[in-house]
């Protein structure tokens, strides 16, 4: 059996290092948990907003995940079930803040800024 050359060994080590780096990045990305925000801050946001979502909306699910267990405090209207309340809503998720539409997934920090919470 022929022994690998130094060039082949170096190439194999580089390939292995790249695979390990990719695995570490993937593990870190998948293990990212939602940041739990102070319940008082979420209740403040909830008192000044309405969130329009829709069953089957992946962006809406991402918005939900940002709030973790505190999502239950938000004023949420699901346009799949409550279509009559969504006549002015073109996209989901949509936030209504101070009678203005804010479309798309919003960070908690952005919502605190927009609501003054």
N, C-alpha and C. Protein backbone atom coordinates (compact mmCIF):
# COMPACT_ATOMS: atom_id res chain seq x y z
N UNK A 1 0.84 -1.18 0.00
CA UNK A 1 0.00 0.00 0.00
C UNK A 1 0.89 1.24 0.00
N UNK A 2 0.55 2.18 -0.82
CA UNK A 2 1.33 3.41 -0.99
C UNK A 2 0.97 4.42 0.10
N UNK A 3 1.98 5.04 0.67
CA UNK A 3 1.77 6.06 1.70
C UNK A 3 1.34 7.37 1.04
N UNK A 4 0.40 8.11 1.70
CA UNK A 4 -0.02 9.39 1.14
C UNK A 4 1.13 10.39 1.17
N UNK A 5 1.12 11.27 0.19
CA UNK A 5 2.16 12.30 0.12
C UNK A 5 1.84 13.40 1.14
N UNK A 6 2.84 14.22 1.38
CA UNK A 6 2.64 15.35 2.30
C UNK A 6 1.55 16.29 1.78
N UNK A 7 1.49 16.44 0.48
CA UNK A 7 0.48 17.31 -0.14
C UNK A 7 -0.93 16.74 0.11
N UNK A 8 -1.07 15.42 -0.01
CA UNK A 8 -2.37 14.78 0.23
C UNK A 8 -2.77 14.90 1.69
N UNK A 9 -1.82 14.72 2.58
CA UNK A 9 -2.10 14.84 4.03
C UNK A 9 -2.53 16.26 4.36
N UNK A 10 -1.81 17.24 3.82
CA UNK A 10 -2.16 18.65 4.06
C UNK A 10 -3.55 18.95 3.52
N UNK A 11 -3.88 18.45 2.35
CA UNK A 11 -5.19 18.66 1.75
C UNK A 11 -6.29 18.03 2.61
N UNK A 12 -6.05 16.84 3.12
CA UNK A 12 -7.02 16.16 3.97
C UNK A 12 -7.24 16.91 5.29
N UNK A 13 -6.18 17.44 5.85
CA UNK A 13 -6.29 18.20 7.10
C UNK A 13 -7.10 19.48 6.87
N UNK A 14 -6.85 20.16 5.77
CA UNK A 14 -7.60 21.38 5.45
C UNK A 14 -9.08 21.06 5.24
N UNK A 15 -9.36 19.98 4.51
CA UNK A 15 -10.75 19.57 4.27
C UNK A 15 -11.44 19.25 5.60
N UNK A 16 -10.76 18.51 6.46
CA UNK A 16 -11.33 18.16 7.77
C UNK A 16 -11.59 19.42 8.61
N UNK A 17 -10.67 20.36 8.59
CA UNK A 17 -10.84 21.61 9.35
C UNK A 17 -12.04 22.39 8.85
N UNK A 18 -12.23 22.45 7.54
CA UNK A 18 -13.38 23.16 6.96
C UNK A 18 -14.67 22.49 7.38
N UNK A 19 -14.71 21.18 7.35
CA UNK A 19 -15.92 20.44 7.76
C UNK A 19 -16.24 20.71 9.23
N UNK A 20 -15.23 20.70 10.07
CA UNK A 20 -15.44 20.96 11.50
C UNK A 20 -15.97 22.38 11.72
N UNK A 21 -15.41 23.35 11.02
CA UNK A 21 -15.88 24.74 11.15
C UNK A 21 -17.33 24.86 10.71
N UNK A 22 -17.68 24.24 9.60
CA UNK A 22 -19.07 24.27 9.13
C UNK A 22 -20.01 23.64 10.14
N UNK A 23 -19.61 22.52 10.72
CA UNK A 23 -20.44 21.86 11.74
C UNK A 23 -20.63 22.74 12.97
N UNK A 24 -19.58 23.39 13.41
CA UNK A 24 -19.69 24.28 14.58
C UNK A 24 -20.65 25.42 14.29
N UNK A 25 -20.53 26.03 13.12
CA UNK A 25 -21.42 27.13 12.75
C UNK A 25 -22.87 26.64 12.69
N UNK A 26 -23.09 25.47 12.10
CA UNK A 26 -24.45 24.92 12.01
C UNK A 26 -25.03 24.65 13.39
N UNK A 27 -24.24 24.09 14.28
CA UNK A 27 -24.72 23.79 15.63
C UNK A 27 -25.07 25.08 16.36
N UNK A 28 -24.23 26.09 16.24
CA UNK A 28 -24.52 27.37 16.90
C UNK A 28 -25.77 28.02 16.34
N UNK A 29 -25.96 27.95 15.03
CA UNK A 29 -27.14 28.56 14.40
C UNK A 29 -28.41 27.83 14.81
N UNK A 30 -28.36 26.53 14.91
CA UNK A 30 -29.56 25.76 15.26
C UNK A 30 -29.89 25.81 16.74
N UNK A 31 -28.89 26.08 17.57
CA UNK A 31 -29.15 26.10 19.01
C UNK A 31 -29.52 27.48 19.52
N UNK A 32 -29.65 28.45 18.63
CA UNK A 32 -30.01 29.81 19.02
C UNK A 32 -31.42 29.83 19.59
N UNK A 33 -31.56 30.25 20.82
CA UNK A 33 -32.85 30.29 21.49
C UNK A 33 -33.37 31.72 21.48
N UNK A 34 -34.71 31.87 21.51
CA UNK A 34 -35.25 33.22 21.55
C UNK A 34 -34.83 33.94 22.83
N UNK A 35 -34.61 35.21 22.71
CA UNK A 35 -34.24 36.00 23.86
C UNK A 35 -35.52 36.32 24.63
N UNK A 36 -35.55 35.91 25.88
CA UNK A 36 -36.72 36.21 26.70
C UNK A 36 -36.59 37.65 27.19
N UNK A 37 -37.55 38.44 26.85
CA UNK A 37 -37.57 39.85 27.23
C UNK A 37 -38.44 40.00 28.47
N UNK A 38 -38.18 41.03 29.19
CA UNK A 38 -38.94 41.34 30.40
C UNK A 38 -40.43 41.35 30.08
N UNK A 39 -41.19 40.64 30.88
CA UNK A 39 -42.64 40.54 30.68
C UNK A 39 -43.30 41.92 30.66
N UNK A 40 -42.82 42.83 31.50
CA UNK A 40 -43.38 44.18 31.54
C UNK A 40 -43.20 44.89 30.20
N UNK A 41 -42.03 44.72 29.58
CA UNK A 41 -41.78 45.35 28.28
C UNK A 41 -42.71 44.79 27.22
N UNK A 42 -42.92 43.48 27.24
CA UNK A 42 -43.81 42.86 26.25
C UNK A 42 -45.24 43.34 26.47
N UNK A 43 -45.66 43.42 27.70
CA UNK A 43 -47.02 43.90 27.99
C UNK A 43 -47.18 45.35 27.55
N UNK A 44 -46.12 46.13 27.67
CA UNK A 44 -46.15 47.52 27.20
C UNK A 44 -46.31 47.54 25.68
N UNK A 45 -45.51 46.74 24.98
CA UNK A 45 -45.63 46.65 23.52
C UNK A 45 -47.03 46.21 23.15
N UNK A 46 -47.54 45.21 23.83
CA UNK A 46 -48.87 44.67 23.53
C UNK A 46 -49.96 45.73 23.72
N UNK A 47 -49.79 46.60 24.69
CA UNK A 47 -50.82 47.61 24.96
C UNK A 47 -50.88 48.68 23.86
N UNK A 48 -49.84 48.74 23.04
CA UNK A 48 -49.77 49.79 22.01
C UNK A 48 -49.76 49.24 20.59
N UNK A 49 -49.97 47.94 20.43
CA UNK A 49 -49.86 47.34 19.09
C UNK A 49 -50.94 46.29 18.86
N UNK A 50 -51.11 45.99 17.59
CA UNK A 50 -51.86 44.81 17.16
C UNK A 50 -51.01 44.13 16.10
N UNK A 51 -50.88 42.82 16.20
CA UNK A 51 -50.10 42.04 15.25
C UNK A 51 -51.05 41.20 14.41
N UNK A 52 -50.95 41.37 13.09
CA UNK A 52 -51.75 40.59 12.16
C UNK A 52 -50.86 39.49 11.58
N UNK A 53 -51.31 38.25 11.73
CA UNK A 53 -50.57 37.10 11.24
C UNK A 53 -51.50 36.26 10.37
N UNK A 54 -50.99 35.13 9.93
CA UNK A 54 -51.83 34.23 9.14
C UNK A 54 -51.29 32.82 9.27
N UNK A 55 -52.17 31.89 9.44
CA UNK A 55 -51.82 30.48 9.49
C UNK A 55 -51.00 30.11 8.25
N UNK A 56 -49.88 29.43 8.45
CA UNK A 56 -49.05 29.01 7.34
C UNK A 56 -48.01 30.03 6.91
N UNK A 57 -47.95 31.16 7.57
CA UNK A 57 -46.99 32.22 7.24
C UNK A 57 -45.68 31.95 7.99
N UNK A 58 -44.62 31.66 7.23
CA UNK A 58 -43.33 31.35 7.85
C UNK A 58 -42.73 32.57 8.56
N UNK A 59 -42.89 33.74 7.98
CA UNK A 59 -42.39 34.95 8.62
C UNK A 59 -43.13 35.21 9.94
N UNK A 60 -44.42 34.88 9.97
CA UNK A 60 -45.20 35.04 11.19
C UNK A 60 -44.68 34.10 12.27
N UNK A 61 -44.30 32.91 11.88
CA UNK A 61 -43.74 31.95 12.84
C UNK A 61 -42.40 32.46 13.38
N UNK A 62 -41.61 33.06 12.52
CA UNK A 62 -40.35 33.65 12.97
C UNK A 62 -40.61 34.77 13.97
N UNK A 63 -41.64 35.58 13.70
CA UNK A 63 -42.00 36.65 14.63
C UNK A 63 -42.41 36.06 15.97
N UNK A 64 -43.19 35.01 15.94
CA UNK A 64 -43.63 34.34 17.17
C UNK A 64 -42.43 33.84 17.97
N UNK A 65 -41.47 33.24 17.29
CA UNK A 65 -40.30 32.69 17.97
C UNK A 65 -39.47 33.76 18.66
N UNK A 66 -39.45 34.97 18.12
CA UNK A 66 -38.70 36.05 18.76
C UNK A 66 -39.25 36.38 20.15
N UNK A 67 -40.53 36.16 20.35
CA UNK A 67 -41.16 36.49 21.63
C UNK A 67 -41.15 35.33 22.61
N UNK A 68 -40.90 34.13 22.13
CA UNK A 68 -40.87 32.98 23.03
C UNK A 68 -42.17 32.85 23.79
N UNK A 69 -42.07 32.58 25.08
CA UNK A 69 -43.26 32.38 25.94
C UNK A 69 -44.08 33.65 26.12
N UNK A 70 -43.51 34.80 25.85
CA UNK A 70 -44.23 36.06 26.03
C UNK A 70 -45.16 36.41 24.87
N UNK A 71 -45.16 35.60 23.83
CA UNK A 71 -46.03 35.84 22.68
C UNK A 71 -47.50 35.90 23.10
N UNK A 72 -47.84 35.16 24.13
CA UNK A 72 -49.23 35.09 24.59
C UNK A 72 -49.78 36.44 25.04
N UNK A 73 -48.91 37.40 25.35
CA UNK A 73 -49.37 38.70 25.82
C UNK A 73 -49.73 39.65 24.67
N UNK A 74 -49.32 39.31 23.45
CA UNK A 74 -49.57 40.20 22.32
C UNK A 74 -51.02 40.15 21.86
N UNK A 75 -51.47 41.24 21.26
CA UNK A 75 -52.79 41.30 20.64
C UNK A 75 -52.63 40.81 19.20
N UNK A 76 -52.99 39.56 18.97
CA UNK A 76 -52.76 38.93 17.67
C UNK A 76 -54.09 38.65 16.98
N UNK A 77 -54.15 39.02 15.72
CA UNK A 77 -55.30 38.67 14.89
C UNK A 77 -54.78 37.78 13.77
N UNK A 78 -55.32 36.57 13.69
CA UNK A 78 -54.93 35.64 12.64
C UNK A 78 -55.88 35.82 11.46
N UNK A 79 -55.35 36.33 10.38
CA UNK A 79 -56.19 36.67 9.21
C UNK A 79 -56.74 35.43 8.51
N UNK A 80 -56.21 34.27 8.81
CA UNK A 80 -56.77 33.04 8.24
C UNK A 80 -58.15 32.78 8.84
N UNK A 81 -58.27 33.02 10.14
CA UNK A 81 -59.52 32.75 10.85
C UNK A 81 -60.42 33.97 10.97
N UNK A 82 -59.82 35.17 10.98
CA UNK A 82 -60.59 36.40 11.18
C UNK A 82 -60.44 37.32 9.97
N UNK A 83 -60.79 36.83 8.81
CA UNK A 83 -60.61 37.57 7.56
C UNK A 83 -61.32 38.92 7.56
N UNK A 84 -62.45 38.99 8.23
CA UNK A 84 -63.22 40.24 8.26
C UNK A 84 -62.47 41.37 8.96
N UNK A 85 -61.50 41.04 9.81
CA UNK A 85 -60.72 42.05 10.53
C UNK A 85 -59.45 42.45 9.77
N UNK A 86 -59.24 41.84 8.60
CA UNK A 86 -57.98 42.02 7.89
C UNK A 86 -58.13 42.66 6.52
N UNK A 87 -59.21 43.38 6.30
CA UNK A 87 -59.46 43.98 4.99
C UNK A 87 -58.35 44.92 4.54
N UNK A 88 -57.72 45.61 5.46
CA UNK A 88 -56.67 46.58 5.12
C UNK A 88 -55.27 45.97 5.19
N UNK A 89 -55.17 44.69 5.49
CA UNK A 89 -53.87 44.03 5.65
C UNK A 89 -53.51 43.31 4.35
N UNK A 90 -52.39 43.69 3.75
CA UNK A 90 -51.95 43.06 2.50
C UNK A 90 -50.95 41.95 2.74
N UNK A 91 -50.09 42.11 3.74
CA UNK A 91 -49.02 41.14 4.01
C UNK A 91 -49.00 40.80 5.49
N UNK A 92 -48.52 39.61 5.79
CA UNK A 92 -48.34 39.23 7.19
C UNK A 92 -46.90 38.78 7.38
N UNK A 93 -46.32 39.06 8.54
CA UNK A 93 -46.91 39.79 9.66
C UNK A 93 -46.95 41.30 9.40
N UNK A 94 -47.96 41.91 9.93
CA UNK A 94 -48.09 43.37 9.91
C UNK A 94 -48.43 43.82 11.33
N UNK A 95 -47.70 44.79 11.78
CA UNK A 95 -47.96 45.42 13.08
C UNK A 95 -48.71 46.72 12.84
N UNK A 96 -49.68 47.03 13.68
CA UNK A 96 -50.31 48.34 13.69
C UNK A 96 -49.82 49.04 14.96
N UNK A 97 -49.09 50.13 14.73
CA UNK A 97 -48.52 50.91 15.84
C UNK A 97 -48.85 52.36 15.58
N UNK A 98 -49.57 52.99 16.49
CA UNK A 98 -49.99 54.39 16.33
C UNK A 98 -50.73 54.60 15.01
N UNK A 99 -51.64 53.72 14.71
CA UNK A 99 -52.47 53.74 13.49
C UNK A 99 -51.65 53.62 12.20
N UNK A 100 -50.40 53.20 12.27
CA UNK A 100 -49.57 53.01 11.09
C UNK A 100 -49.18 51.55 10.95
N UNK A 101 -49.08 51.09 9.69
CA UNK A 101 -48.68 49.72 9.41
C UNK A 101 -47.16 49.61 9.39
N UNK A 102 -46.68 48.59 10.06
CA UNK A 102 -45.27 48.24 10.01
C UNK A 102 -45.23 46.79 9.54
N UNK A 103 -44.78 46.59 8.30
CA UNK A 103 -44.86 45.27 7.67
C UNK A 103 -43.57 44.51 7.88
N UNK A 104 -43.70 43.21 8.15
CA UNK A 104 -42.55 42.32 8.25
C UNK A 104 -42.20 41.99 9.69
N UNK A 105 -41.27 41.06 9.82
CA UNK A 105 -40.80 40.64 11.14
C UNK A 105 -40.03 41.80 11.77
N UNK A 106 -40.39 42.11 13.01
CA UNK A 106 -39.75 43.21 13.74
C UNK A 106 -39.05 42.66 14.98
N UNK A 107 -37.88 43.18 15.27
CA UNK A 107 -37.19 42.78 16.49
C UNK A 107 -37.90 43.42 17.68
N UNK A 108 -37.70 42.83 18.83
CA UNK A 108 -38.29 43.39 20.05
C UNK A 108 -37.71 44.78 20.30
N UNK A 109 -36.42 44.95 20.02
CA UNK A 109 -35.80 46.25 20.22
C UNK A 109 -36.46 47.31 19.33
N UNK A 110 -36.73 46.95 18.08
CA UNK A 110 -37.38 47.89 17.15
C UNK A 110 -38.80 48.22 17.63
N UNK A 111 -39.52 47.21 18.11
CA UNK A 111 -40.87 47.45 18.61
C UNK A 111 -40.85 48.32 19.86
N UNK A 112 -39.85 48.14 20.71
CA UNK A 112 -39.74 49.02 21.90
C UNK A 112 -39.48 50.46 21.45
N UNK A 113 -38.67 50.61 20.42
CA UNK A 113 -38.38 51.95 19.89
C UNK A 113 -39.64 52.58 19.29
N UNK A 114 -40.39 51.81 18.49
CA UNK A 114 -41.58 52.34 17.84
C UNK A 114 -42.72 52.66 18.81
N UNK A 115 -42.78 51.91 19.91
CA UNK A 115 -43.87 52.11 20.88
C UNK A 115 -43.48 52.99 22.05
N UNK A 116 -42.19 53.23 22.21
CA UNK A 116 -41.74 54.00 23.36
C UNK A 116 -41.71 53.18 24.64
N UNK A 117 -41.69 51.90 24.54
CA UNK A 117 -41.68 51.03 25.73
C UNK A 117 -40.28 50.77 26.24
